[in-house]
Each structure stands twice: as structure tokens, then as C-alpha cells.
């Protein structure tokens, strides 16, 4: 029997084979070992594309962590909502040709879209390789801290 989904999902997405493109997965993997509130689940969404619809359905809030190609200096941090994302196709991308804005749009059409918050970082190096660049790796604890603050903020409102 499937258990009920937790209210909040921390979803790390990206491709770990392309260095900094894997930042979201790296953050998710580190957070899986942390003590988190009981209503929070952490998931490595990898390059799941449309398969991620199933995982966001039934949640109250999803915090997405990913690399954000916006043309800013490497290491620039971003925080925005799905409403901010409207009209910015390609801002949150997956390696399988479906970007996360497509997942959000389809969830909205299906009436299953939770509150979605994006936390991202401008990558420095997205060439082949499995290690984050030093500049991006030093931001992993900062991103985790931002996620934890968002959880505190969410707990006060849920």
C-alpha cells in the first residue's frame, strides 16, 4: 500500500554528468542525511522531465533546487516562484528536452500544481564531468541554508 505523500517536497534536479548542472541533485543528496521536519521529503529528481509530475502531485509545496542559466555571473543565487517563471521557457532545464516550466504548466492544466519555489545558482562549468566546480561547490552549504530557511517559513504558514 502506498503511503501518503508528505506536504513539502525538496526536489533537486539536474544532470550530474555535466558538472555544475548537477547542483540540485548534490543539494538533495546532502539534505537526505539531515534531520528535517516530519512533513518534508527530499528527492533526487535527476533529469526526470515529465515523470516529475507524479512526484509533485498531492504536495502543498515543492522547493526545486537546480542550476539556472540566466547569463548572470557564475555563483549568482536565484529565488523565484513558478509565477515568476511564466514566459521564461528554458530557465529551468532538464537534459531530456523537457524543462521544468513544462512540468509546472502541465501540473497547472491538470489542477495538481502545488505552491512551487525555485532556488537556483548560475553554473560556472557544464562540461562533461561529475564534480562541481569549486565556485559552485562552495555554495552548496549556502543553498542548503536557504532551503532550511524556506522550510521554517513554510512551517509557519502550513
Protein backbone atom coordinates (compact mmCIF):
# COMPACT_ATOMS: atom_id res chain seq x y z
CA UNK A 1 0.00 0.00 0.00
CA UNK A 2 1.37 3.42 -0.97
CA UNK A 3 1.84 5.84 1.89
CA UNK A 4 0.50 9.38 1.74
CA UNK A 5 2.89 11.93 0.26
CA UNK A 6 4.45 14.44 2.63
CA UNK A 7 3.28 18.06 2.40
CA UNK A 8 6.61 19.54 1.31
CA UNK A 9 8.99 18.15 -1.29
CA UNK A 10 12.56 19.34 -1.74
CA UNK A 11 13.31 18.40 -5.33
CA UNK A 12 16.89 18.55 -6.59
CA UNK A 13 17.02 18.38 -10.37
CA UNK A 14 19.85 18.36 -12.87
CA UNK A 15 22.33 16.22 -14.72
CA UNK A 16 25.21 15.00 -12.55
CA UNK A 17 27.22 14.11 -15.67
CA UNK A 18 27.57 17.81 -16.59
CA UNK A 19 29.46 19.22 -13.60
CA UNK A 20 27.55 22.25 -12.20
CA UNK A 21 24.32 21.16 -13.92
CA UNK A 22 24.14 18.59 -11.08
CA UNK A 23 23.95 21.16 -8.24
CA UNK A 24 20.30 20.39 -7.44
CA UNK A 25 20.96 16.67 -7.13
CA UNK A 26 24.03 17.38 -4.97
CA UNK A 27 21.99 19.54 -2.58
CA UNK A 28 19.23 16.91 -2.40
CA UNK A 29 21.69 14.10 -1.66
CA UNK A 30 23.28 16.10 1.18
CA UNK A 31 19.88 17.02 2.61
CA UNK A 32 18.73 13.38 2.69
CA UNK A 33 21.12 12.87 5.62
CA UNK A 34 19.82 15.86 7.58
CA UNK A 35 17.25 15.98 10.35
CA UNK A 36 14.20 17.55 8.67
CA UNK A 37 10.62 18.16 9.81
CA UNK A 38 8.39 15.06 9.51
CA UNK A 39 6.25 16.63 6.76
CA UNK A 40 9.28 17.10 4.44
CA UNK A 41 10.58 14.68 1.81
CA UNK A 42 13.80 15.14 -0.17
CA UNK A 43 14.11 13.70 -3.66
CA UNK A 44 16.75 13.47 -6.36
CA UNK A 45 14.69 14.32 -9.45
CA UNK A 46 17.70 14.00 -11.75
CA UNK A 47 16.59 14.63 -15.32
CA UNK A 48 13.13 13.17 -14.75
CA UNK A 49 11.26 15.51 -17.11
CA UNK A 50 7.52 14.80 -17.23
CA UNK A 51 7.91 11.90 -14.78
CA UNK A 52 8.26 14.58 -12.09
CA UNK A 53 4.53 15.34 -12.39
CA UNK A 54 3.75 12.28 -10.29
CA UNK A 55 6.09 13.41 -7.52
CA UNK A 56 4.77 16.95 -7.23
CA UNK A 57 1.11 15.90 -7.31
CA UNK A 58 -0.54 15.93 -3.90
CA UNK A 59 2.02 18.26 -2.29
CA UNK A 60 1.30 21.59 -0.70
CA UNK A 61 4.72 23.00 -1.59
CA UNK A 62 7.67 21.97 -3.74
CA UNK A 63 11.09 23.59 -3.36
CA UNK A 64 13.08 22.99 -6.54
CA UNK A 65 16.88 23.33 -6.49
CA UNK A 66 18.67 23.50 -9.85
CA UNK A 67 21.24 25.25 -11.99
CA UNK A 68 19.81 28.37 -13.62
CA UNK A 69 21.26 29.57 -16.92
CA UNK A 70 20.35 33.24 -16.86
CA UNK A 71 23.57 34.84 -18.08
CA UNK A 72 24.50 36.11 -14.62
CA UNK A 73 27.97 35.72 -13.12
CA UNK A 74 28.70 32.12 -12.00
CA UNK A 75 27.59 31.53 -8.43
CA UNK A 76 24.71 34.04 -8.59
CA UNK A 77 21.84 32.74 -6.46
CA UNK A 78 18.22 32.94 -7.57
CA UNK A 79 14.91 32.63 -5.71
CA UNK A 80 11.67 32.80 -7.65
CA UNK A 81 8.21 31.27 -7.83
CA UNK A 82 6.50 29.44 -10.67
CA UNK A 83 4.62 32.68 -11.40
CA UNK A 84 7.97 34.42 -11.94
CA UNK A 85 8.87 31.58 -14.32
CA UNK A 86 5.90 32.12 -16.64
CA UNK A 87 7.15 33.11 -20.06
CA UNK A 88 10.79 32.19 -19.34
CA UNK A 89 11.00 28.85 -21.13
CA UNK A 90 14.40 27.24 -20.76
CA UNK A 91 15.23 28.95 -17.47
CA UNK A 92 14.96 25.65 -15.57
CA UNK A 93 16.01 22.88 -17.95
CA UNK A 94 16.36 19.16 -17.95
CA UNK A 95 18.79 17.29 -20.18
CA UNK A 96 15.91 15.33 -21.77
CA UNK A 97 14.42 18.24 -23.69
CA UNK A 98 11.57 18.89 -21.23
CA UNK A 99 12.26 21.84 -18.99
CA UNK A 100 10.69 22.20 -15.58
CA UNK A 101 8.46 25.05 -16.74
CA UNK A 102 6.70 22.43 -18.92
CA UNK A 103 6.13 20.26 -15.84
CA UNK A 104 4.72 23.27 -13.96
CA UNK A 105 2.44 24.22 -16.87
CA UNK A 106 1.07 20.69 -17.24
CA UNK A 107 0.51 20.42 -13.47
CA UNK A 108 -1.47 23.67 -13.68
CA UNK A 109 -3.56 22.38 -16.58
CA UNK A 110 -4.28 19.20 -14.65
CA UNK A 111 -5.17 21.11 -11.49
CA UNK A 112 -2.44 19.41 -9.45
CA UNK A 113 0.10 22.24 -9.15
CA UNK A 114 1.26 22.93 -5.60
CA UNK A 115 3.00 26.11 -4.50
CA UNK A 116 6.40 25.95 -6.20
CA UNK A 117 9.55 27.79 -5.16
CA UNK A 118 12.75 27.67 -7.20
CA UNK A 119 16.19 28.08 -5.69
CA UNK A 120 18.95 28.14 -8.24
CA UNK A 121 22.50 29.07 -8.97
CA UNK A 122 24.19 30.22 -12.15
CA UNK A 123 26.61 27.42 -13.12
CA UNK A 124 30.24 28.03 -13.96
CA UNK A 125 31.02 24.84 -15.88
CA UNK A 126 28.54 22.48 -17.53
CA UNK A 127 31.01 20.40 -19.50
CA UNK A 128 31.26 16.64 -19.06
CA UNK A 129 32.34 15.60 -15.57
CA UNK A 130 30.87 14.57 -12.24
CA UNK A 131 32.47 17.13 -9.90
CA UNK A 132 31.05 20.57 -9.20
CA UNK A 133 33.37 23.46 -9.99
CA UNK A 134 34.97 24.90 -6.82
CA UNK A 135 32.97 28.15 -7.08
CA UNK A 136 29.66 26.27 -7.22
CA UNK A 137 30.67 23.61 -4.66
CA UNK A 138 31.34 26.32 -2.07
CA UNK A 139 27.73 27.46 -2.49
CA UNK A 140 26.19 24.07 -1.60
CA UNK A 141 26.02 24.88 2.16
CA UNK A 142 24.55 28.30 1.33
CA UNK A 143 21.82 26.72 -0.81
CA UNK A 144 21.06 24.19 1.95
CA UNK A 145 20.80 27.05 4.45
CA UNK A 146 18.37 28.88 2.15
CA UNK A 147 16.25 25.71 1.79
CA UNK A 148 16.17 25.33 5.58
CA UNK A 149 15.02 28.96 5.99
CA UNK A 150 12.28 28.31 3.43
CA UNK A 151 11.19 25.26 5.43
CA UNK A 152 11.00 27.37 8.58
CA UNK A 153 8.94 29.93 6.67
CA UNK A 154 6.68 27.19 5.24
CA UNK A 155 6.11 25.52 8.61
CA UNK A 156 4.82 28.82 9.95
CA UNK A 157 2.26 29.01 7.12
CA UNK A 158 1.14 25.38 6.65
